[in-house]
Amino acid sequence: MKVILRNPSREVEMAGPVQVSVLLERLGLNREAHLVIEDNALVPGDKMLGKDATVEVRSVISGGSNAQ
C-alpha cells in the first residue's frame, strides 16, 4: 500500500492488508494525533486497509479563536 505522510512530506510503501491503528503503530505515530484519509474520506482506526490502498496521514491540528 502507498502511504503519503505530511510534515515532512514523503511517500512510503507498507505491507497490507492492515488495520489503520496497526499502520499508525508501525509508523510510530499516535492515533489520537493523526488522521488517516482514503478516497478523500476519514477512516476509523478499526478499518482494514487493502494491500493496494493509497492513504494519506496528516497530523491533527487544533486551534482556537481570539474572536470576542
N, C-alpha and C. Protein backbone atom coordinates (compact mmCIF):
# COMPACT_ATOMS: atom_id res chain seq x y z
N MET A 1 0.85 -1.16 0.00
CA MET A 1 0.00 0.00 0.00
C MET A 1 0.89 1.22 0.00
N LYS A 2 0.41 2.31 -0.59
CA LYS A 2 1.15 3.56 -0.59
C LYS A 2 0.62 4.44 0.53
N VAL A 3 1.55 4.96 1.35
CA VAL A 3 1.20 5.85 2.45
C VAL A 3 1.87 7.19 2.20
N ILE A 4 1.06 8.24 2.11
CA ILE A 4 1.55 9.59 1.91
C ILE A 4 1.52 10.29 3.26
N LEU A 5 2.69 10.72 3.70
CA LEU A 5 2.83 11.37 5.00
C LEU A 5 3.11 12.85 4.80
N ARG A 6 2.66 13.66 5.73
CA ARG A 6 2.90 15.11 5.71
C ARG A 6 3.74 15.49 6.91
N ASN A 7 4.49 16.55 6.77
CA ASN A 7 5.35 17.09 7.84
C ASN A 7 6.38 16.10 8.35
N PRO A 8 7.41 15.83 7.64
CA PRO A 8 7.73 16.27 6.28
C PRO A 8 7.01 15.39 5.25
N SER A 9 6.78 15.96 4.07
CA SER A 9 6.09 15.24 3.01
C SER A 9 6.98 14.13 2.46
N ARG A 10 6.40 12.92 2.41
CA ARG A 10 7.12 11.78 1.86
C ARG A 10 6.12 10.66 1.58
N GLU A 11 6.53 9.69 0.79
CA GLU A 11 5.71 8.52 0.50
C GLU A 11 6.49 7.28 0.91
N VAL A 12 5.77 6.33 1.51
CA VAL A 12 6.39 5.06 1.89
C VAL A 12 5.48 3.93 1.43
N GLU A 13 6.07 2.79 1.18
CA GLU A 13 5.31 1.58 0.85
C GLU A 13 5.25 0.72 2.11
N MET A 14 4.06 0.24 2.41
CA MET A 14 3.85 -0.62 3.57
C MET A 14 3.13 -1.89 3.11
N ALA A 15 3.35 -2.97 3.82
CA ALA A 15 2.66 -4.22 3.51
C ALA A 15 1.21 -4.13 3.97
N GLY A 16 0.31 -4.65 3.19
CA GLY A 16 -1.10 -4.69 3.54
C GLY A 16 -1.63 -6.07 3.22
N PRO A 17 -2.85 -6.38 3.57
CA PRO A 17 -3.80 -5.51 4.26
C PRO A 17 -3.39 -5.29 5.71
N VAL A 18 -3.85 -4.16 6.25
CA VAL A 18 -3.53 -3.81 7.63
C VAL A 18 -4.61 -2.88 8.18
N GLN A 19 -4.85 -3.01 9.46
CA GLN A 19 -5.82 -2.15 10.13
C GLN A 19 -5.18 -0.77 10.34
N VAL A 20 -5.98 0.29 10.26
CA VAL A 20 -5.49 1.67 10.39
C VAL A 20 -4.67 1.84 11.66
N SER A 21 -5.17 1.37 12.79
CA SER A 21 -4.45 1.55 14.06
C SER A 21 -3.09 0.84 14.05
N VAL A 22 -3.02 -0.31 13.40
CA VAL A 22 -1.76 -1.04 13.30
C VAL A 22 -0.80 -0.32 12.35
N LEU A 23 -1.31 0.23 11.27
CA LEU A 23 -0.48 1.00 10.35
C LEU A 23 0.19 2.16 11.08
N LEU A 24 -0.60 2.92 11.84
CA LEU A 24 -0.04 4.05 12.58
C LEU A 24 0.99 3.59 13.60
N GLU A 25 0.72 2.48 14.25
CA GLU A 25 1.68 1.94 15.21
C GLU A 25 2.99 1.58 14.53
N ARG A 26 2.91 0.95 13.36
CA ARG A 26 4.12 0.58 12.61
C ARG A 26 4.90 1.82 12.17
N LEU A 27 4.19 2.90 11.93
CA LEU A 27 4.84 4.15 11.54
C LEU A 27 5.34 4.94 12.75
N GLY A 28 5.01 4.46 13.96
CA GLY A 28 5.42 5.16 15.17
C GLY A 28 4.63 6.42 15.43
N LEU A 29 3.36 6.43 14.97
CA LEU A 29 2.51 7.61 15.10
C LEU A 29 1.36 7.35 16.07
N ASN A 30 0.99 8.36 16.83
CA ASN A 30 -0.10 8.29 17.79
C ASN A 30 -1.43 8.43 17.07
N ARG A 31 -2.35 7.50 17.32
CA ARG A 31 -3.67 7.52 16.65
C ARG A 31 -4.45 8.79 16.96
N GLU A 32 -4.37 9.28 18.19
CA GLU A 32 -5.13 10.47 18.57
C GLU A 32 -4.58 11.75 17.94
N ALA A 33 -3.36 11.70 17.45
CA ALA A 33 -2.72 12.89 16.89
C ALA A 33 -2.64 12.88 15.37
N HIS A 34 -3.23 11.85 14.73
CA HIS A 34 -3.15 11.73 13.27
C HIS A 34 -4.48 11.31 12.66
N LEU A 35 -4.72 11.83 11.47
CA LEU A 35 -5.89 11.46 10.68
C LEU A 35 -5.43 10.60 9.51
N VAL A 36 -6.22 9.59 9.17
CA VAL A 36 -5.93 8.77 8.01
C VAL A 36 -7.05 8.98 7.01
N ILE A 37 -6.67 9.28 5.78
CA ILE A 37 -7.63 9.63 4.73
C ILE A 37 -7.46 8.65 3.57
N GLU A 38 -8.58 8.09 3.12
CA GLU A 38 -8.59 7.22 1.95
C GLU A 38 -9.74 7.65 1.06
N ASP A 39 -9.48 7.87 -0.22
CA ASP A 39 -10.51 8.31 -1.16
C ASP A 39 -11.23 9.57 -0.66
N ASN A 40 -10.46 10.53 -0.16
CA ASN A 40 -10.98 11.82 0.34
C ASN A 40 -11.93 11.69 1.52
N ALA A 41 -11.84 10.60 2.26
CA ALA A 41 -12.70 10.40 3.44
C ALA A 41 -11.85 9.94 4.62
N LEU A 42 -12.18 10.45 5.80
CA LEU A 42 -11.51 9.99 7.02
C LEU A 42 -11.87 8.54 7.28
N VAL A 43 -10.90 7.76 7.74
CA VAL A 43 -11.18 6.36 8.04
C VAL A 43 -10.94 6.09 9.52
N PRO A 44 -11.79 5.27 10.15
CA PRO A 44 -11.64 4.97 11.57
C PRO A 44 -10.48 4.02 11.83
N GLY A 45 -10.04 3.99 13.08
CA GLY A 45 -8.89 3.18 13.47
C GLY A 45 -9.07 1.69 13.29
N ASP A 46 -10.33 1.22 13.24
CA ASP A 46 -10.55 -0.22 13.11
C ASP A 46 -10.78 -0.67 11.66
N LYS A 47 -10.68 0.28 10.71
CA LYS A 47 -10.89 -0.09 9.30
C LYS A 47 -9.69 -0.87 8.78
N MET A 48 -9.97 -1.89 7.98
CA MET A 48 -8.92 -2.68 7.33
C MET A 48 -8.62 -2.04 5.98
N LEU A 49 -7.35 -1.72 5.77
CA LEU A 49 -6.91 -1.13 4.51
C LEU A 49 -6.36 -2.23 3.62
N GLY A 50 -6.74 -2.22 2.36
CA GLY A 50 -6.30 -3.25 1.42
C GLY A 50 -4.85 -3.08 1.01
N LYS A 51 -4.28 -4.13 0.44
CA LYS A 51 -2.87 -4.10 0.06
C LYS A 51 -2.60 -3.11 -1.07
N ASP A 52 -3.61 -2.75 -1.86
CA ASP A 52 -3.44 -1.80 -2.95
C ASP A 52 -3.94 -0.40 -2.61
N ALA A 53 -4.25 -0.16 -1.35
CA ALA A 53 -4.79 1.13 -0.91
C ALA A 53 -3.73 2.23 -1.03
N THR A 54 -4.22 3.44 -1.22
CA THR A 54 -3.39 4.64 -1.11
C THR A 54 -4.04 5.50 -0.05
N VAL A 55 -3.29 5.79 1.01
CA VAL A 55 -3.84 6.58 2.11
C VAL A 55 -2.91 7.75 2.41
N GLU A 56 -3.48 8.77 2.99
CA GLU A 56 -2.73 9.94 3.42
C GLU A 56 -2.83 10.05 4.93
N VAL A 57 -1.72 10.34 5.58
CA VAL A 57 -1.69 10.51 7.02
C VAL A 57 -1.33 11.96 7.31
N ARG A 58 -2.20 12.62 8.07
CA ARG A 58 -1.98 14.03 8.42
C ARG A 58 -2.03 14.20 9.93
N SER A 59 -1.21 15.12 10.41
CA SER A 59 -1.24 15.45 11.84
C SER A 59 -2.51 16.25 12.13
N VAL A 60 -3.08 15.99 13.30
CA VAL A 60 -4.24 16.76 13.75
C VAL A 60 -3.75 18.11 14.21
N ILE A 61 -4.38 19.15 13.74
CA ILE A 61 -4.03 20.49 14.14
C ILE A 61 -5.28 21.11 14.75
N SER A 62 -5.16 21.56 15.97
CA SER A 62 -6.31 22.19 16.61
C SER A 62 -5.90 23.59 17.01
N GLY A 63 -6.87 24.43 17.12
CA GLY A 63 -6.59 25.80 17.50
C GLY A 63 -7.84 26.46 17.98
N GLY A 64 -7.68 27.63 18.45
CA GLY A 64 -8.82 28.38 18.95
C GLY A 64 -8.98 29.68 18.20
N SER A 65 -9.90 30.43 18.65
CA SER A 65 -10.17 31.71 18.04
C SER A 65 -10.00 32.79 19.10
N ASN A 66 -9.49 33.90 18.69
CA ASN A 66 -9.35 35.03 19.59
C ASN A 66 -10.52 35.99 19.42
N ALA A 67 -11.52 35.57 18.66
CA ALA A 67 -12.70 36.44 18.45
C ALA A 67 -13.42 36.66 19.77
N GLN A 68 -13.82 37.89 19.97
CA GLN A 68 -14.53 38.21 21.21
C GLN A 68 -15.86 38.83 20.93
